[in-house]
Amino acid sequence: MRKSPQPGTGKTISLYIFGIFFLLSAIVVILKGTGILGWIPNYLIWALVLVSIGAGILAGIKNVSDRR
């Protein structure tokens, strides 16, 4: 059986960044919805979501460029 190659350091770091921002934005949205973090402005939540999406796009681009 052939062993699959381990992902590179850059890919791993970018996926961790995407995961952390995605999880953080989900937690903030849930806590704001329950009223615990009602003082956080909506633009901060949008910024977290957009950074999460951007990190995911960059991770995908890096993944595609590594395959070539």
C-alpha atoms as a PDB file:
ATOM      1  CA  MET A   1       0.000   0.000   0.000  1.00  0.00           C
ATOM      2  CA  ARG A   2       1.292   3.416  -0.945  1.00  0.00           C
ATOM      3  CA  LYS A   3       1.634   6.012   1.771  1.00  0.00           C
ATOM      4  CA  SER A   4       0.155   9.436   1.034  1.00  0.00           C
ATOM      5  CA  PRO A   5       2.595  12.336   1.246  1.00  0.00           C
ATOM      6  CA  GLN A   6       2.460  14.645   4.239  1.00  0.00           C
ATOM      7  CA  PRO A   7       1.265  18.193   3.531  1.00  0.00           C
ATOM      8  CA  GLY A   8       3.905  20.900   3.427  1.00  0.00           C
ATOM      9  CA  THR A   9       4.514  23.323   6.245  1.00  0.00           C
ATOM     10  CA  GLY A  10       2.984  26.262   4.387  1.00  0.00           C
ATOM     11  CA  LYS A  11      -0.173  24.331   3.592  1.00  0.00           C
ATOM     12  CA  THR A  12      -0.503  23.134   7.175  1.00  0.00           C
ATOM     13  CA  ILE A  13      -0.053  26.633   8.577  1.00  0.00           C
ATOM     14  CA  SER A  14      -2.574  28.138   6.163  1.00  0.00           C
ATOM     15  CA  LEU A  15      -5.138  25.445   6.990  1.00  0.00           C
ATOM     16  CA  TYR A  16      -4.630  26.047  10.703  1.00  0.00           C
ATOM     17  CA  ILE A  17      -5.126  29.784  10.177  1.00  0.00           C
ATOM     18  CA  PHE A  18      -8.322  29.115   8.204  1.00  0.00           C
ATOM     19  CA  GLY A  19      -9.620  26.729  10.854  1.00  0.00           C
ATOM     20  CA  ILE A  20      -8.843  29.022  13.763  1.00  0.00           C
ATOM     21  CA  PHE A  21     -10.469  32.068  12.143  1.00  0.00           C
ATOM     22  CA  PHE A  22     -13.485  30.011  11.076  1.00  0.00           C
ATOM     23  CA  LEU A  23     -13.941  28.590  14.568  1.00  0.00           C
ATOM     24  CA  LEU A  24     -13.391  31.984  16.187  1.00  0.00           C
ATOM     25  CA  SER A  25     -15.944  33.677  13.946  1.00  0.00           C
ATOM     26  CA  ALA A  26     -18.486  30.903  14.613  1.00  0.00           C
ATOM     27  CA  ILE A  27     -18.006  31.258  18.374  1.00  0.00           C
ATOM     28  CA  VAL A  28     -18.343  35.058  18.192  1.00  0.00           C
ATOM     29  CA  VAL A  29     -21.528  34.800  16.107  1.00  0.00           C
ATOM     30  CA  ILE A  30     -23.057  32.307  18.549  1.00  0.00           C
ATOM     31  CA  LEU A  31     -22.124  34.371  21.606  1.00  0.00           C
ATOM     32  CA  LYS A  32     -23.392  37.576  20.000  1.00  0.00           C
ATOM     33  CA  GLY A  33     -26.649  35.840  19.091  1.00  0.00           C
ATOM     34  CA  THR A  34     -27.179  34.744  22.692  1.00  0.00           C
ATOM     35  CA  GLY A  35     -26.505  38.279  23.935  1.00  0.00           C
ATOM     36  CA  ILE A  36     -23.302  37.513  25.821  1.00  0.00           C
ATOM     37  CA  LEU A  37     -21.155  39.515  23.407  1.00  0.00           C
ATOM     38  CA  GLY A  38     -23.726  42.094  22.373  1.00  0.00           C
ATOM     39  CA  TRP A  39     -21.195  44.917  22.523  1.00  0.00           C
ATOM     40  CA  ILE A  40     -19.157  43.602  19.574  1.00  0.00           C
ATOM     41  CA  PRO A  41     -19.943  45.613  16.437  1.00  0.00           C
ATOM     42  CA  ASN A  42     -21.181  43.810  13.340  1.00  0.00           C
ATOM     43  CA  TYR A  43     -18.240  44.983  11.228  1.00  0.00           C
ATOM     44  CA  LEU A  44     -15.868  43.024  13.473  1.00  0.00           C
ATOM     45  CA  ILE A  45     -17.844  39.848  12.854  1.00  0.00           C
ATOM     46  CA  TRP A  46     -17.810  40.515   9.114  1.00  0.00           C
ATOM     47  CA  ALA A  47     -14.066  41.129   9.276  1.00  0.00           C
ATOM     48  CA  LEU A  48     -13.528  37.763  11.002  1.00  0.00           C
ATOM     49  CA  VAL A  49     -15.686  35.978   8.440  1.00  0.00           C
ATOM     50  CA  LEU A  50     -13.921  37.652   5.511  1.00  0.00           C
ATOM     51  CA  VAL A  51     -10.467  36.879   6.928  1.00  0.00           C
ATOM     52  CA  SER A  52     -11.568  33.270   7.373  1.00  0.00           C
ATOM     53  CA  ILE A  53     -12.794  33.053   3.782  1.00  0.00           C
ATOM     54  CA  GLY A  54      -9.639  34.757   2.508  1.00  0.00           C
ATOM     55  CA  ALA A  55      -7.417  32.340   4.417  1.00  0.00           C
ATOM     56  CA  GLY A  56      -9.391  29.430   2.960  1.00  0.00           C
ATOM     57  CA  ILE A  57      -9.022  30.783  -0.572  1.00  0.00           C
ATOM     58  CA  LEU A  58      -5.284  31.278  -0.097  1.00  0.00           C
ATOM     59  CA  ALA A  59      -4.961  27.733   1.271  1.00  0.00           C
ATOM     60  CA  GLY A  60      -6.834  26.425  -1.764  1.00  0.00           C
ATOM     61  CA  ILE A  61      -4.654  28.380  -4.165  1.00  0.00           C
ATOM     62  CA  LYS A  62      -1.532  27.067  -2.433  1.00  0.00           C
ATOM     63  CA  ASN A  63      -2.902  23.524  -2.635  1.00  0.00           C
ATOM     64  CA  VAL A  64      -3.570  23.834  -6.382  1.00  0.00           C
ATOM     65  CA  SER A  65      -0.177  25.390  -7.077  1.00  0.00           C
ATOM     66  CA  ASP A  66       1.582  22.617  -5.128  1.00  0.00           C
ATOM     67  CA  ARG A  67      -0.062  19.950  -7.298  1.00  0.00           C
ATOM     68  CA  ARG A  68       1.510  21.335 -10.478  1.00  0.00           C
END
